[in-house]
Structures are given as C-alpha cells and as structure tokens.
Amino acid sequence: MQKNLHLSHDNYFFDIFIRNCNQFTSQENKFVVYIEKDVQTKHVKSNQAIIAEWGSQNFQNAVGDLEKYKAVYIHFLTPKLVNFVLKLPHSVTLVMVFWGSEVFSLKVFFKF
C-alpha cells in the first residue's frame, strides 16, 4: 500500500489530526513537521511526527522519494511550501488542508 505524506509546520492542531487520522482511517500515513533552524517544536508532541529542519538533509531524508506517495497533504500553505508543491510529481495527488489562519495572512486581506 502506498503511503500518504502529511507535511505541516508546528501547530496546536496537528497532534489532534494525527490521532484522528490513526483512529478513523486504515491508510498508511507519514507525518513530517518542518521547523526553522535551531527551533524546537512547541506544539507537536506526537511520536509519530518526524521533526525536521526545513531544507536540511534530515528533511530530505524524512520526505524521501515523492514518487512513492499516493498523495501529499499540505497542512497550512505557506510561501516556503509553494516551490515544494510546484515540484511534486504529476502522479501524486495533492491535497491542500486549509486550517483558516493561512488565508488571513494573505496580503489581499490586509486592507480590510
């Protein structure tokens, strides 16, 4: 069975998501949380989450070969993830998971 890759920044909801994902789906999932250099996670505590510095060799190893995934789930789209998304193989399904606050950080909303 092919895995799903879930990629997220450190946030309060991701542990809850991992727990629910394990409880309600039989699909095989890999959870990678990216962090900035010299930063520790504050919210994600799940031992199922692989914590890796964005762009590091550890991150590349954690993500691995993107061709092997059935789907890649992007939790909370950030500008740094745009190039990652654009490089995904066409054979991999892309799923965007919007939590809400990423929309309100878009500059188009600043004038409201």
Protein backbone atom coordinates (compact mmCIF):
# COMPACT_ATOMS: atom_id res chain seq x y z
CA MET A 1 0.00 0.00 0.00
CA GLN A 2 1.29 3.46 -0.85
CA LYS A 3 1.66 5.99 1.93
CA ASN A 4 0.23 9.45 2.23
CA LEU A 5 2.65 12.21 3.22
CA HIS A 6 1.35 14.90 5.56
CA LEU A 7 3.55 17.99 5.73
CA SER A 8 2.91 20.70 8.32
CA HIS A 9 4.53 23.39 10.39
CA ASP A 10 4.47 23.13 14.19
CA ASN A 11 0.92 23.90 15.29
CA TYR A 12 -1.53 23.01 18.03
CA PHE A 13 -3.93 21.07 15.79
CA PHE A 14 -1.52 18.64 14.15
CA ASP A 15 -1.30 16.23 17.11
CA ILE A 16 -5.11 16.08 17.16
CA PHE A 17 -5.10 15.47 13.41
CA ILE A 18 -2.58 12.63 13.74
CA ARG A 19 -4.63 10.99 16.50
CA ASN A 20 -7.86 11.27 14.47
CA CYS A 21 -6.15 10.07 11.31
CA ASN A 22 -4.96 6.95 13.10
CA GLN A 23 -8.36 6.35 14.63
CA PHE A 24 -10.54 6.85 11.56
CA THR A 25 -8.51 5.67 8.57
CA SER A 26 -6.75 2.49 7.61
CA GLN A 27 -4.45 4.25 5.17
CA GLU A 28 -0.74 4.35 5.88
CA ASN A 29 0.38 7.90 6.67
CA LYS A 30 3.71 9.61 7.22
CA PHE A 31 3.71 12.86 9.21
CA VAL A 32 6.54 15.37 8.77
CA VAL A 33 6.68 18.63 10.70
CA TYR A 34 9.11 21.19 9.37
CA ILE A 35 10.80 23.71 11.63
CA GLU A 36 13.25 26.55 11.21
CA LYS A 37 16.93 26.15 12.06
CA ASP A 38 17.66 25.99 15.80
CA VAL A 39 13.96 25.97 16.71
CA GLN A 40 12.28 23.33 18.84
CA THR A 41 8.66 22.31 18.41
CA LYS A 42 6.23 23.92 20.82
CA HIS A 43 3.00 22.16 19.90
CA VAL A 44 3.60 18.88 18.09
CA LYS A 45 4.45 16.16 20.61
CA SER A 46 3.31 13.03 18.76
CA ASN A 47 5.98 10.38 18.47
CA GLN A 48 4.59 9.62 15.01
CA ALA A 49 5.66 13.03 13.70
CA ILE A 50 9.11 13.31 12.18
CA ILE A 51 10.53 16.72 13.08
CA ALA A 52 12.99 18.13 10.56
CA GLU A 53 14.55 21.47 9.76
CA TRP A 54 13.15 22.85 6.51
CA GLY A 55 15.52 22.26 3.59
CA SER A 56 18.00 20.19 5.58
CA GLN A 57 19.29 16.75 4.64
CA ASN A 58 17.23 15.41 7.55
CA PHE A 59 14.13 16.95 5.93
CA GLN A 60 15.01 15.45 2.55
CA ASN A 61 15.51 12.04 4.20
CA ALA A 62 12.23 12.33 6.11
CA VAL A 63 10.25 13.20 2.99
CA GLY A 64 12.13 10.79 0.78
CA ASP A 65 11.16 9.98 -2.80
CA LEU A 66 7.97 11.88 -3.60
CA GLU A 67 7.10 9.42 -6.38
CA LYS A 68 6.35 6.72 -3.81
CA TYR A 69 3.40 8.56 -2.25
CA LYS A 70 -0.21 8.11 -3.20
CA ALA A 71 -0.97 11.64 -2.01
CA VAL A 72 0.80 14.58 -0.40
CA TYR A 73 -1.23 16.62 2.08
CA ILE A 74 -0.08 20.17 2.68
CA HIS A 75 -1.39 21.41 6.01
CA PHE A 76 -1.33 25.21 6.16
CA LEU A 77 0.09 26.57 2.91
CA THR A 78 2.99 28.96 3.42
CA PRO A 79 5.12 30.79 0.85
CA LYS A 80 8.03 28.42 1.52
CA LEU A 81 5.86 25.45 0.54
CA VAL A 82 4.94 26.87 -2.87
CA ASN A 83 8.11 25.65 -4.61
CA PHE A 84 7.78 22.28 -2.88
CA VAL A 85 4.22 21.94 -4.20
CA LEU A 86 5.21 23.01 -7.71
CA LYS A 87 7.87 20.27 -7.81
CA LEU A 88 5.51 17.44 -6.88
CA PRO A 89 5.34 14.67 -9.48
CA HIS A 90 2.15 14.72 -11.54
CA SER A 91 1.48 11.13 -10.48
CA VAL A 92 0.99 12.21 -6.87
CA THR A 93 -2.35 13.60 -5.71
CA LEU A 94 -2.02 16.96 -3.97
CA VAL A 95 -4.41 17.71 -1.12
CA MET A 96 -4.45 21.17 0.43
CA VAL A 97 -5.67 21.28 4.03
CA PHE A 98 -6.63 24.80 5.00
CA TRP A 99 -6.90 25.48 8.71
CA GLY A 100 -8.09 29.05 8.25
CA SER A 101 -5.40 31.37 9.55
CA GLU A 102 -3.20 30.97 6.48
CA VAL A 103 -5.91 32.71 4.46
CA PHE A 104 -5.93 35.70 6.81
CA SER A 105 -2.21 36.17 6.45
CA LEU A 106 -2.58 36.83 2.71
CA LYS A 107 -1.81 40.43 1.80
CA VAL A 108 -5.10 40.81 -0.06
CA PHE A 109 -6.87 40.79 3.34
CA PHE A 110 -4.66 43.47 4.91
CA LYS A 111 -6.85 46.30 3.62
CA PHE A 112 -9.95 45.01 5.42
